Amino acid sequence: MENQSIEAQIASLKRSMADYMKSAHPNYTEKDIEKCVQILNEYNIQMANSQSEEDGMQIVKTTVLKLNELNENSGEDLIETGEREAIANIIITVGHNKGYNSEDEDITEEWREW
């Protein structure tokens, strides 16, 4: 997944969530998927515009807390194992691309509930 652009990773995550929703009928909706995508796109933009590692880590924290709330509001079905891996990879990769963390440093762990 590291070779894909962040936008492609987000699009792949969206497709995966939508496909699962059609087959398994979880507690989340299309609106929840769109909100997740919006949060990740905003994260990507905010990180691109960040000026320091301190600012970047605050953006990570805010993003993870938003995802926690979204997942909780969707019956904790939205972010399962596969989604957790994809979302964490997106957040970590964007941070790494800015030089704020290493590729193997899970910068979501401190705040992540999913």
Protein backbone atom coordinates (compact mmCIF):
# COMPACT_ATOMS: atom_id res chain seq x y z
CA MET A 1 0.00 0.00 0.00
CA GLU A 2 2.94 2.37 0.54
CA ASN A 3 3.37 2.76 -3.23
CA GLN A 4 -0.15 4.06 -3.76
CA SER A 5 -0.86 7.74 -3.42
CA ILE A 6 -2.73 8.80 -0.30
CA GLU A 7 -5.76 9.67 -2.42
CA ALA A 8 -5.74 6.18 -3.94
CA GLN A 9 -5.45 4.63 -0.47
CA ILE A 10 -8.44 6.64 0.75
CA ALA A 11 -10.46 5.67 -2.35
CA SER A 12 -9.59 2.01 -1.80
CA LEU A 13 -10.66 2.23 1.85
CA LYS A 14 -13.96 3.82 0.79
CA ARG A 15 -14.65 1.04 -1.73
CA SER A 16 -13.83 -1.62 0.84
CA MET A 17 -16.17 -0.10 3.43
CA ALA A 18 -18.98 0.26 0.87
CA ASP A 19 -18.55 -3.32 -0.36
CA TYR A 20 -18.63 -4.66 3.18
CA MET A 21 -21.72 -2.58 3.95
CA LYS A 22 -23.59 -4.17 1.02
CA SER A 23 -22.72 -7.73 2.00
CA ALA A 24 -22.72 -7.68 5.81
CA HIS A 25 -25.21 -4.92 6.73
CA PRO A 26 -23.17 -3.39 9.59
CA ASN A 27 -24.36 -0.50 11.78
CA TYR A 28 -22.75 2.19 9.63
CA THR A 29 -24.19 4.05 6.66
CA GLU A 30 -22.96 5.56 3.42
CA LYS A 31 -22.93 8.89 5.29
CA ASP A 32 -20.51 7.43 7.87
CA ILE A 33 -18.21 6.27 5.08
CA GLU A 34 -18.29 9.74 3.51
CA LYS A 35 -17.51 11.34 6.88
CA CYS A 36 -14.53 9.01 7.33
CA VAL A 37 -13.23 9.92 3.86
CA GLN A 38 -13.77 13.62 4.61
CA ILE A 39 -11.80 13.35 7.87
CA LEU A 40 -8.90 11.63 6.09
CA ASN A 41 -8.90 14.12 3.20
CA GLU A 42 -8.91 17.03 5.65
CA TYR A 43 -6.05 15.39 7.53
CA ASN A 44 -4.02 15.08 4.33
CA ILE A 45 -4.59 18.75 3.46
CA GLN A 46 -3.89 20.01 6.98
CA MET A 47 -0.68 18.01 7.22
CA ALA A 48 0.48 19.31 3.83
CA ASN A 49 0.02 22.84 5.18
CA SER A 50 1.54 22.19 8.61
CA GLN A 51 4.75 23.98 9.46
CA SER A 52 6.14 21.94 12.34
CA GLU A 53 6.17 18.49 13.87
CA GLU A 54 4.31 19.90 16.88
CA ASP A 55 1.52 21.20 14.62
CA GLY A 56 1.51 17.91 12.74
CA MET A 57 1.10 15.81 15.88
CA GLN A 58 -1.80 18.04 16.99
CA ILE A 59 -3.44 17.38 13.59
CA VAL A 60 -2.88 13.63 14.10
CA LYS A 61 -4.48 13.79 17.54
CA THR A 62 -7.50 15.76 16.32
CA THR A 63 -7.98 13.42 13.37
CA VAL A 64 -7.77 10.26 15.49
CA LEU A 65 -10.23 11.71 18.03
CA LYS A 66 -12.68 12.53 15.20
CA LEU A 67 -12.34 8.97 13.88
CA ASN A 68 -12.89 7.59 17.40
CA GLU A 69 -16.13 9.55 17.68
CA LEU A 70 -17.29 8.55 14.20
CA ASN A 71 -16.59 4.88 14.89
CA GLU A 72 -18.35 5.03 18.26
CA ASN A 73 -21.39 6.69 16.69
CA SER A 74 -21.58 3.94 14.08
CA GLY A 75 -21.77 1.15 16.65
CA GLU A 76 -18.01 0.59 16.44
CA ASP A 77 -18.55 -1.28 13.15
CA LEU A 78 -16.99 1.26 10.81
CA ILE A 79 -13.34 0.69 11.72
CA GLU A 80 -12.57 -3.01 12.02
CA THR A 81 -9.18 -4.70 11.64
CA GLY A 82 -8.71 -4.10 7.91
CA GLU A 83 -9.90 -0.52 8.10
CA ARG A 84 -7.77 0.14 11.16
CA GLU A 85 -4.67 -0.99 9.29
CA ALA A 86 -5.52 1.11 6.22
CA ILE A 87 -6.39 4.24 8.21
CA ALA A 88 -3.33 3.99 10.45
CA ASN A 89 -1.16 3.46 7.36
CA ILE A 90 -2.60 6.60 5.73
CA ILE A 91 -2.01 8.71 8.85
CA ILE A 92 1.49 7.33 9.41
CA THR A 93 2.50 7.69 5.75
CA VAL A 94 1.36 11.31 5.55
CA GLY A 95 3.28 12.12 8.74
CA HIS A 96 6.34 10.30 7.45
CA ASN A 97 6.17 12.16 4.13
CA LYS A 98 6.35 15.41 6.11
CA GLY A 99 9.33 14.09 8.07
CA TYR A 100 7.44 14.02 11.39
CA ASN A 101 7.74 10.29 12.12
CA SER A 102 9.36 7.11 10.88
CA GLU A 103 7.46 4.70 8.61
CA ASP A 104 7.14 2.15 11.41
CA GLU A 105 6.10 4.59 14.15
CA ASP A 106 2.40 4.31 14.98
CA ILE A 107 1.58 7.94 15.68
CA THR A 108 -2.13 7.08 16.15
CA GLU A 109 -1.71 4.68 19.06
CA GLU A 110 -1.76 7.21 21.89
CA TRP A 111 -5.32 8.37 21.07
CA ARG A 112 -6.75 5.53 18.97
CA GLU A 113 -9.71 3.55 20.29
CA TRP A 114 -10.34 1.57 17.08
